[in-house]
PDB file of N, CA and C in Angstrom:
ATOM      1  N   MET A   1     155.530  52.961  86.745  1.00  0.00           N
ATOM      2  CA  MET A   1     154.143  53.155  86.354  1.00  0.00           C
ATOM      3  C   MET A   1     153.468  51.796  86.193  1.00  0.00           C
ATOM      4  N   ALA A   2     152.258  51.706  86.655  1.00  0.00           N
ATOM      5  CA  ALA A   2     151.523  50.448  86.623  1.00  0.00           C
ATOM      6  C   ALA A   2     150.931  50.192  85.239  1.00  0.00           C
ATOM      7  N   GLU A   3     150.873  48.929  84.885  1.00  0.00           N
ATOM      8  CA  GLU A   3     150.208  48.506  83.656  1.00  0.00           C
ATOM      9  C   GLU A   3     148.809  48.042  84.035  1.00  0.00           C
ATOM     10  N   ILE A   4     147.809  48.603  83.365  1.00  0.00           N
ATOM     11  CA  ILE A   4     146.414  48.300  83.659  1.00  0.00           C
ATOM     12  C   ILE A   4     145.830  47.542  82.476  1.00  0.00           C
ATOM     13  N   THR A   5     145.320  46.334  82.736  1.00  0.00           N
ATOM     14  CA  THR A   5     144.685  45.527  81.701  1.00  0.00           C
ATOM     15  C   THR A   5     143.214  45.384  82.053  1.00  0.00           C
ATOM     16  N   VAL A   6     142.352  45.812  81.136  1.00  0.00           N
ATOM     17  CA  VAL A   6     140.904  45.750  81.351  1.00  0.00           C
ATOM     18  C   VAL A   6     140.310  44.773  80.346  1.00  0.00           C
ATOM     19  N   ARG A   7     139.578  43.782  80.861  1.00  0.00           N
ATOM     20  CA  ARG A   7     138.927  42.799  79.991  1.00  0.00           C
ATOM     21  C   ARG A   7     137.434  42.758  80.299  1.00  0.00           C
ATOM     22  N   PRO A   8     136.605  42.822  79.263  1.00  0.00           N
ATOM     23  CA  PRO A   8     135.161  42.678  79.482  1.00  0.00           C
ATOM     24  C   PRO A   8     134.862  41.308  80.089  1.00  0.00           C
ATOM     25  N   ALA A   9     133.919  41.285  81.028  1.00  0.00           N
ATOM     26  CA  ALA A   9     133.543  40.033  81.685  1.00  0.00           C
ATOM     27  C   ALA A   9     132.026  39.922  81.779  1.00  0.00           C
ATOM     28  N   GLY A  10     131.331  40.463  80.790  1.00  0.00           N
ATOM     29  CA  GLY A  10     129.875  40.460  80.799  1.00  0.00           C
ATOM     30  C   GLY A  10     129.366  41.883  80.682  1.00  0.00           C
ATOM     31  N   GLU A  11     128.083  42.028  80.513  1.00  0.00           N
ATOM     32  CA  GLU A  11     127.468  43.343  80.354  1.00  0.00           C
ATOM     33  C   GLU A  11     127.743  44.243  81.553  1.00  0.00           C
ATOM     34  N   GLY A  12     128.505  45.313  81.352  1.00  0.00           N
ATOM     35  CA  GLY A  12     128.809  46.253  82.422  1.00  0.00           C
ATOM     36  C   GLY A  12     129.765  45.731  83.479  1.00  0.00           C
ATOM     37  N   HIS A  13     130.429  44.626  83.208  1.00  0.00           N
ATOM     38  CA  HIS A  13     131.322  43.985  84.177  1.00  0.00           C
ATOM     39  C   HIS A  13     132.694  43.818  83.546  1.00  0.00           C
ATOM     40  N   PHE A  14     133.747  44.130  84.322  1.00  0.00           N
ATOM     41  CA  PHE A  14     135.106  44.080  83.804  1.00  0.00           C
ATOM     42  C   PHE A  14     136.043  43.426  84.802  1.00  0.00           C
ATOM     43  N   SER A  15     137.011  42.723  84.267  1.00  0.00           N
ATOM     44  CA  SER A  15     138.093  42.160  85.058  1.00  0.00           C
ATOM     45  C   SER A  15     139.309  43.055  84.808  1.00  0.00           C
ATOM     46  N   VAL A  16     139.903  43.547  85.879  1.00  0.00           N
ATOM     47  CA  VAL A  16     141.015  44.480  85.760  1.00  0.00           C
ATOM     48  C   VAL A  16     142.224  43.916  86.497  1.00  0.00           C
ATOM     49  N   ARG A  17     143.367  43.951  85.822  1.00  0.00           N
ATOM     50  CA  ARG A  17     144.635  43.523  86.415  1.00  0.00           C
ATOM     51  C   ARG A  17     145.574  44.727  86.423  1.00  0.00           C
ATOM     52  N   VAL A  18     146.168  44.984  87.583  1.00  0.00           N
ATOM     53  CA  VAL A  18     147.119  46.078  87.723  1.00  0.00           C
ATOM     54  C   VAL A  18     148.466  45.474  88.095  1.00  0.00           C
ATOM     55  N   GLU A  19     149.476  45.701  87.250  1.00  0.00           N
ATOM     56  CA  GLU A  19     150.824  45.166  87.477  1.00  0.00           C
ATOM     57  C   GLU A  19     151.814  46.314  87.560  1.00  0.00           C
ATOM     58  N   ASP A  20     152.766  46.175  88.473  1.00  0.00           N
ATOM     59  CA  ASP A  20     153.805  47.194  88.567  1.00  0.00           C
ATOM     60  C   ASP A  20     155.212  46.606  88.476  1.00  0.00           C
ATOM     61  N   GLY A  21     155.327  45.396  88.005  1.00  0.00           N
ATOM     62  CA  GLY A  21     156.628  44.748  87.886  1.00  0.00           C
ATOM     63  C   GLY A  21     156.941  43.873  89.088  1.00  0.00           C
ATOM     64  N   ALA A  22     156.652  44.354  90.273  1.00  0.00           N
ATOM     65  CA  ALA A  22     156.923  43.601  91.489  1.00  0.00           C
ATOM     66  C   ALA A  22     155.773  42.666  91.857  1.00  0.00           C
ATOM     67  N   SER A  23     154.536  43.116  91.578  1.00  0.00           N
ATOM     68  CA  SER A  23     153.361  42.329  91.938  1.00  0.00           C
ATOM     69  C   SER A  23     152.171  42.779  91.097  1.00  0.00           C
ATOM     70  N   ALA A  24     151.074  42.077  91.269  1.00  0.00           N
ATOM     71  CA  ALA A  24     149.849  42.396  90.526  1.00  0.00           C
ATOM     72  C   ALA A  24     148.644  42.238  91.436  1.00  0.00           C
ATOM     73  N   THR A  25     147.597  42.984  91.119  1.00  0.00           N
ATOM     74  CA  THR A  25     146.316  42.838  91.816  1.00  0.00           C
ATOM     75  C   THR A  25     145.234  42.610  90.772  1.00  0.00           C
ATOM     76  N   GLU A  26     144.161  41.947  91.184  1.00  0.00           N
ATOM     77  CA  GLU A  26     143.019  41.651  90.318  1.00  0.00           C
ATOM     78  C   GLU A  26     141.780  42.303  90.928  1.00  0.00           C
ATOM     79  N   HIS A  27     140.940  42.859  90.051  1.00  0.00           N
ATOM     80  CA  HIS A  27     139.755  43.574  90.504  1.00  0.00           C
ATOM     81  C   HIS A  27     138.572  43.239  89.603  1.00  0.00           C
ATOM     82  N   ASP A  28     137.388  43.113  90.204  1.00  0.00           N
ATOM     83  CA  ASP A  28     136.139  42.939  89.470  1.00  0.00           C
ATOM     84  C   ASP A  28     135.390  44.258  89.587  1.00  0.00           C
ATOM     85  N   VAL A  29     135.092  44.860  88.440  1.00  0.00           N
ATOM     86  CA  VAL A  29     134.500  46.192  88.424  1.00  0.00           C
ATOM     87  C   VAL A  29     133.228  46.179  87.587  1.00  0.00           C
ATOM     88  N   THR A  30     132.211  46.856  88.084  1.00  0.00           N
ATOM     89  CA  THR A  30     130.990  47.030  87.316  1.00  0.00           C
ATOM     90  C   THR A  30     130.773  48.518  87.065  1.00  0.00           C
ATOM     91  N   VAL A  31     130.107  48.800  85.962  1.00  0.00           N
ATOM     92  CA  VAL A  31     129.739  50.182  85.634  1.00  0.00           C
ATOM     93  C   VAL A  31     128.372  50.139  84.957  1.00  0.00           C
ATOM     94  N   SER A  32     127.478  50.969  85.447  1.00  0.00           N
ATOM     95  CA  SER A  32     126.129  51.000  84.870  1.00  0.00           C
ATOM     96  C   SER A  32     126.143  51.797  83.572  1.00  0.00           C
ATOM     97  N   THR A  33     125.159  51.534  82.744  1.00  0.00           N
ATOM     98  CA  THR A  33     125.004  52.283  81.498  1.00  0.00           C
ATOM     99  C   THR A  33     124.829  53.764  81.803  1.00  0.00           C
ATOM    100  N   GLU A  34     124.085  54.067  82.858  1.00  0.00           N
ATOM    101  CA  GLU A  34     123.839  55.454  83.241  1.00  0.00           C
ATOM    102  C   GLU A  34     125.135  56.161  83.624  1.00  0.00           C
ATOM    103  N   ASP A  35     125.973  55.507  84.436  1.00  0.00           N
ATOM    104  CA  ASP A  35     127.242  56.122  84.833  1.00  0.00           C
ATOM    105  C   ASP A  35     128.179  56.277  83.643  1.00  0.00           C
ATOM    106  N   LEU A  36     128.191  55.300  82.765  1.00  0.00           N
ATOM    107  CA  LEU A  36     129.037  55.396  81.574  1.00  0.00           C
ATOM    108  C   LEU A  36     128.598  56.581  80.705  1.00  0.00           C
ATOM    109  N   GLU A  37     127.297  56.737  80.509  1.00  0.00           N
ATOM    110  CA  GLU A  37     126.794  57.855  79.711  1.00  0.00           C
ATOM    111  C   GLU A  37     127.065  59.194  80.388  1.00  0.00           C
ATOM    112  N   ARG A  38     126.911  59.251  81.707  1.00  0.00           N
ATOM    113  CA  ARG A  38     127.050  60.503  82.452  1.00  0.00           C
ATOM    114  C   ARG A  38     128.507  60.902  82.651  1.00  0.00           C
ATOM    115  N   LEU A  39     129.365  59.919  82.913  1.00  0.00           N
ATOM    116  CA  LEU A  39     130.751  60.211  83.269  1.00  0.00           C
ATOM    117  C   LEU A  39     131.773  59.827  82.206  1.00  0.00           C
ATOM    118  N   GLY A  40     131.366  58.989  81.263  1.00  0.00           N
ATOM    119  CA  GLY A  40     132.312  58.431  80.304  1.00  0.00           C
ATOM    120  C   GLY A  40     132.783  59.366  79.219  1.00  0.00           C
ATOM    121  N   ALA A  41     132.094  60.469  79.010  1.00  0.00           N
ATOM    122  CA  ALA A  41     132.485  61.465  78.005  1.00  0.00           C
ATOM    123  C   ALA A  41     132.720  60.829  76.636  1.00  0.00           C
ATOM    124  N   GLY A  42     131.878  59.848  76.276  1.00  0.00           N
ATOM    125  CA  GLY A  42     131.962  59.226  74.966  1.00  0.00           C
ATOM    126  C   GLY A  42     133.031  58.154  74.810  1.00  0.00           C
ATOM    127  N   ARG A  43     133.736  57.834  75.887  1.00  0.00           N
ATOM    128  CA  ARG A  43     134.780  56.801  75.811  1.00  0.00           C
ATOM    129  C   ARG A  43     134.164  55.413  75.743  1.00  0.00           C
ATOM    130  N   PRO A  44     134.865  54.470  75.103  1.00  0.00           N
ATOM    131  CA  PRO A  44     134.421  53.071  75.178  1.00  0.00           C
ATOM    132  C   PRO A  44     134.471  52.622  76.648  1.00  0.00           C
ATOM    133  N   PRO A  45     133.622  51.671  77.027  1.00  0.00           N
ATOM    134  CA  PRO A  45     133.581  51.235  78.431  1.00  0.00           C
ATOM    135  C   PRO A  45     134.937  50.817  78.999  1.00  0.00           C
ATOM    136  N   ASP A  46     135.735  50.052  78.242  1.00  0.00           N
ATOM    137  CA  ASP A  46     137.019  49.613  78.791  1.00  0.00           C
ATOM    138  C   ASP A  46     137.975  50.789  78.992  1.00  0.00           C
ATOM    139  N   ALA A  47     137.936  51.778  78.115  1.00  0.00           N
ATOM    140  CA  ALA A  47     138.781  52.968  78.282  1.00  0.00           C
ATOM    141  C   ALA A  47     138.337  53.767  79.505  1.00  0.00           C
ATOM    142  N   PHE A  48     137.030  53.854  79.725  1.00  0.00           N
ATOM    143  CA  PHE A  48     136.521  54.555  80.906  1.00  0.00           C
ATOM    144  C   PHE A  48     136.986  53.865  82.186  1.00  0.00           C
ATOM    145  N   VAL A  49     136.881  52.538  82.236  1.00  0.00           N
ATOM    146  CA  VAL A  49     137.330  51.791  83.422  1.00  0.00           C
ATOM    147  C   VAL A  49     138.832  51.991  83.634  1.00  0.00           C
ATOM    148  N   ARG A  50     139.604  51.968  82.571  1.00  0.00           N
ATOM    149  CA  ARG A  50     141.052  52.210  82.674  1.00  0.00           C
ATOM    150  C   ARG A  50     141.321  53.604  83.252  1.00  0.00           C
ATOM    151  N   ASP A  51     140.577  54.606  82.774  1.00  0.00           N
ATOM    152  CA  ASP A  51     140.733  55.963  83.305  1.00  0.00           C
ATOM    153  C   ASP A  51     140.367  56.031  84.779  1.00  0.00           C
ATOM    154  N   CYS A  52     139.372  55.256  85.182  1.00  0.00           N
ATOM    155  CA  CYS A  52     139.009  55.199  86.603  1.00  0.00           C
ATOM    156  C   CYS A  52     140.177  54.656  87.422  1.00  0.00           C
ATOM    157  N   PHE A  53     140.852  53.645  86.913  1.00  0.00           N
ATOM    158  CA  PHE A  53     142.003  53.091  87.619  1.00  0.00           C
ATOM    159  C   PHE A  53     143.183  54.061  87.616  1.00  0.00           C
ATOM    160  N   ASP A  54     143.378  54.786  86.529  1.00  0.00           N
ATOM    161  CA  ASP A  54     144.421  55.826  86.531  1.00  0.00           C
ATOM    162  C   ASP A  54     144.143  56.826  87.640  1.00  0.00           C
ATOM    163  N   PHE A  55     142.886  57.240  87.752  1.00  0.00           N
ATOM    164  CA  PHE A  55     142.473  58.167  88.798  1.00  0.00           C
ATOM    165  C   PHE A  55     142.790  57.597  90.178  1.00  0.00           C
ATOM    166  N   LEU A  56     142.384  56.354  90.411  1.00  0.00           N
ATOM    167  CA  LEU A  56     142.611  55.732  91.722  1.00  0.00           C
ATOM    168  C   LEU A  56     144.100  55.584  92.029  1.00  0.00           C
ATOM    169  N   LEU A  57     144.877  55.162  91.052  1.00  0.00           N
ATOM    170  CA  LEU A  57     146.302  54.926  91.282  1.00  0.00           C
ATOM    171  C   LEU A  57     147.080  56.208  91.535  1.00  0.00           C
ATOM    172  N   GLU A  58     146.536  57.341  91.141  1.00  0.00           N
ATOM    173  CA  GLU A  58     147.159  58.624  91.470  1.00  0.00           C
ATOM    174  C   GLU A  58     146.959  58.968  92.938  1.00  0.00           C
ATOM    175  N   ARG A  59     146.047  58.265  93.609  1.00  0.00           N
ATOM    176  CA  ARG A  59     145.680  58.599  94.980  1.00  0.00           C
ATOM    177  C   ARG A  59     145.984  57.514  96.012  1.00  0.00           C
ATOM    178  N   GLU A  60     146.183  56.287  95.536  1.00  0.00           N
ATOM    179  CA  GLU A  60     146.438  55.197  96.472  1.00  0.00           C
ATOM    180  C   GLU A  60     147.158  54.055  95.763  1.00  0.00           C
ATOM    181  N   PRO A  61     147.850  53.218  96.542  1.00  0.00           N
ATOM    182  CA  PRO A  61     148.526  52.065  95.930  1.00  0.00           C
ATOM    183  C   PRO A  61     147.497  51.040  95.442  1.00  0.00           C
ATOM    184  N   LYS A  62     147.908  50.247  94.479  1.00  0.00           N
ATOM    185  CA  LYS A  62     146.992  49.260  93.890  1.00  0.00           C
ATOM    186  C   LYS A  62     146.430  48.308  94.933  1.00  0.00           C
ATOM    187  N   GLU A  63     147.195  48.020  95.964  1.00  0.00           N
ATOM    188  CA  GLU A  63     146.745  47.099  97.020  1.00  0.00           C
ATOM    189  C   GLU A  63     145.601  47.678  97.852  1.00  0.00           C
ATOM    190  N   SER A  64     145.429  49.002  97.816  1.00  0.00           N
ATOM    191  CA  SER A  64     144.352  49.637  98.573  1.00  0.00           C
ATOM    192  C   SER A  64     143.048  49.724  97.794  1.00  0.00           C
ATOM    193  N   ILE A  65     143.097  49.460  96.502  1.00  0.00           N
ATOM    194  CA  ILE A  65     141.883  49.509  95.684  1.00  0.00           C
ATOM    195  C   ILE A  65     141.040  48.273  95.984  1.00  0.00           C
ATOM    196  N   LEU A  66     139.752  48.492  96.181  1.00  0.00           N
ATOM    197  CA  LEU A  66     138.847  47.388  96.492  1.00  0.00           C
ATOM    198  C   LEU A  66     138.947  46.292  95.433  1.00  0.00           C
ATOM    199  N   ARG A  67     138.824  45.054  95.843  1.00  0.00           N
ATOM    200  CA  ARG A  67     138.915  43.923  94.910  1.00  0.00           C
ATOM    201  C   ARG A  67     137.672  43.804  94.039  1.00  0.00           C
ATOM    202  N   SER A  68     136.547  44.277  94.534  1.00  0.00           N
ATOM    203  CA  SER A  68     135.298  44.215  93.792  1.00  0.00           C
ATOM    204  C   SER A  68     134.495  45.468  94.127  1.00  0.00           C
ATOM    205  N   PHE A  69     134.090  46.210  93.089  1.00  0.00           N
ATOM    206  CA  PHE A  69     133.328  47.425  93.341  1.00  0.00           C
ATOM    207  C   PHE A  69     132.633  47.904  92.078  1.00  0.00           C
ATOM    208  N   ASP A  70     131.653  48.776  92.275  1.00  0.00           N
ATOM    209  CA  ASP A  70     131.001  49.472  91.185  1.00  0.00           C
ATOM    210  C   ASP A  70     131.624  50.863  91.104  1.00  0.00           C
ATOM    211  N   VAL A  71     131.823  51.355  89.904  1.00  0.00           N
ATOM    212  CA  VAL A  71     132.451  52.657  89.696  1.00  0.00           C
ATOM    213  C   VAL A  71     131.741  53.759  90.494  1.00  0.00           C
ATOM    214  N   SER A  72     130.455  53.614  90.722  1.00  0.00           N
ATOM    215  CA  SER A  72     129.696  54.644  91.438  1.00  0.00           C
ATOM    216  C   SER A  72     130.194  54.878  92.863  1.00  0.00           C
ATOM    217  N   VAL A  73     130.903  53.922  93.462  1.00  0.00           N
ATOM    218  CA  VAL A  73     131.373  54.106  94.843  1.00  0.00           C
ATOM    219  C   VAL A  73     132.655  54.940  94.934  1.00  0.00           C
ATOM    220  N   ILE A  74     133.343  55.150  93.830  1.00  0.00           N
ATOM    221  CA  ILE A  74     134.611  55.887  93.881  1.00  0.00           C
ATOM    222  C   ILE A  74     134.396  57.284  94.458  1.00  0.00           C
ATOM    223  N   GLY A  75     133.309  57.938  94.093  1.00  0.00           N
ATOM    224  CA  GLY A  75     133.009  59.276  94.591  1.00  0.00           C
ATOM    225  C   GLY A  75     132.800  59.341  96.090  1.00  0.00           C
ATOM    226  N   ARG A  76     132.453  58.238  96.718  1.00  0.00           N
ATOM    227  CA  ARG A  76     132.300  58.210  98.188  1.00  0.00           C
ATOM    228  C   ARG A  76     133.645  58.391  98.874  1.00  0.00           C
ATOM    229  N   TYR A  77     134.682  57.851  98.266  1.00  0.00           N
ATOM    230  CA  TYR A  77     136.031  57.919  98.823  1.00  0.00           C
ATOM    231  C   TYR A  77     136.784  59.162  98.345  1.00  0.00           C
ATOM    232  N   PHE A  78     136.486  59.586  97.120  1.00  0.00           N
ATOM    233  CA  PHE A  78     137.173  60.716  96.507  1.00  0.00           C
ATOM    234  C   PHE A  78     136.122  61.650  95.896  1.00  0.00           C
ATOM    235  N   PRO A  79     135.705  62.667  96.641  1.00  0.00           N
ATOM    236  CA  PRO A  79     134.624  63.549  96.169  1.00  0.00           C
ATOM    237  C   PRO A  79     134.904  64.226  94.819  1.00  0.00           C
ATOM    238  N   GLU A  80     136.149  64.388  94.464  1.00  0.00           N
ATOM    239  CA  GLU A  80     136.487  65.037  93.200  1.00  0.00           C
ATOM    240  C   GLU A  80     136.378  64.095  91.994  1.00  0.00           C
ATOM    241  N   PHE A  81     136.074  62.830  92.231  1.00  0.00           N
ATOM    242  CA  PHE A  81     136.081  61.831  91.166  1.00  0.00           C
ATOM    243  C   PHE A  81     135.234  62.223  89.953  1.00  0.00           C
ATOM    244  N   GLU A  82     133.963  62.513  90.165  1.00  0.00           N
ATOM    245  CA  GLU A  82     133.077  62.771  89.019  1.00  0.00           C
ATOM    246  C   GLU A  82     133.543  63.963  88.207  1.00  0.00           C
ATOM    247  N   ARG A  83     133.977  65.015  88.875  1.00  0.00           N
ATOM    248  CA  ARG A  83     134.440  66.207  88.172  1.00  0.00           C
ATOM    249  C   ARG A  83     135.689  65.893  87.339  1.00  0.00           C
ATOM    250  N   GLU A  84     136.619  65.150  87.925  1.00  0.00           N
ATOM    251  CA  GLU A  84     137.885  64.886  87.243  1.00  0.00           C
ATOM    252  C   GLU A  84     137.794  63.792  86.184  1.00  0.00           C
ATOM    253  N   ILE A  85     136.944  62.785  86.395  1.00  0.00           N
ATOM    254  CA  ILE A  85     136.869  61.691  85.424  1.00  0.00           C
ATOM    255  C   ILE A  85     136.227  62.159  84.118  1.00  0.00           C
ATOM    256  N   VAL A  86     135.325  63.122  84.191  1.00  0.00           N
ATOM    257  CA  VAL A  86     134.720  63.660  82.982  1.00  0.00           C
ATOM    258  C   VAL A  86     135.776  64.371  82.143  1.00  0.00           C
ATOM    259  N   ARG A  87     136.750  64.996  82.795  1.00  0.00           N
ATOM    260  CA  ARG A  87     137.803  65.722  82.084  1.00  0.00           C
ATOM    261  C   ARG A  87     138.890  64.807  81.542  1.00  0.00           C
ATOM    262  N   ALA A  88     139.038  63.624  82.116  1.00  0.00           N
ATOM    263  CA  ALA A  88     140.097  62.686  81.685  1.00  0.00           C
ATOM    264  C   ALA A  88     139.746  62.130  80.314  1.00  0.00           C
ATOM    265  N   ARG A  89     140.647  62.226  79.408  1.00  0.00           N
ATOM    266  CA  ARG A  89     140.433  61.646  78.068  1.00  0.00           C
ATOM    267  C   ARG A  89     141.731  61.229  77.480  1.00  0.00           C
TER     268      ARG A  89
END
């Protein structure tokens, strides 16, 4: 199981490191206030970003996750994202 470390890097911006023991990847992620309110289900921003990575890692290896992206693009690749991320807590 991968270890996900989320660090705030400015307003709505996060630095995420995913480690699995063998290697690690680094990601720059942004999330708008609107998306956090709509999809975050009351979670703190860093917990929401972590849940987004849990969602992604269930579907693809860490190396396939974009190095820089806004959370809003996840639904383009995975149509079930918005429905499932609201339920994740």
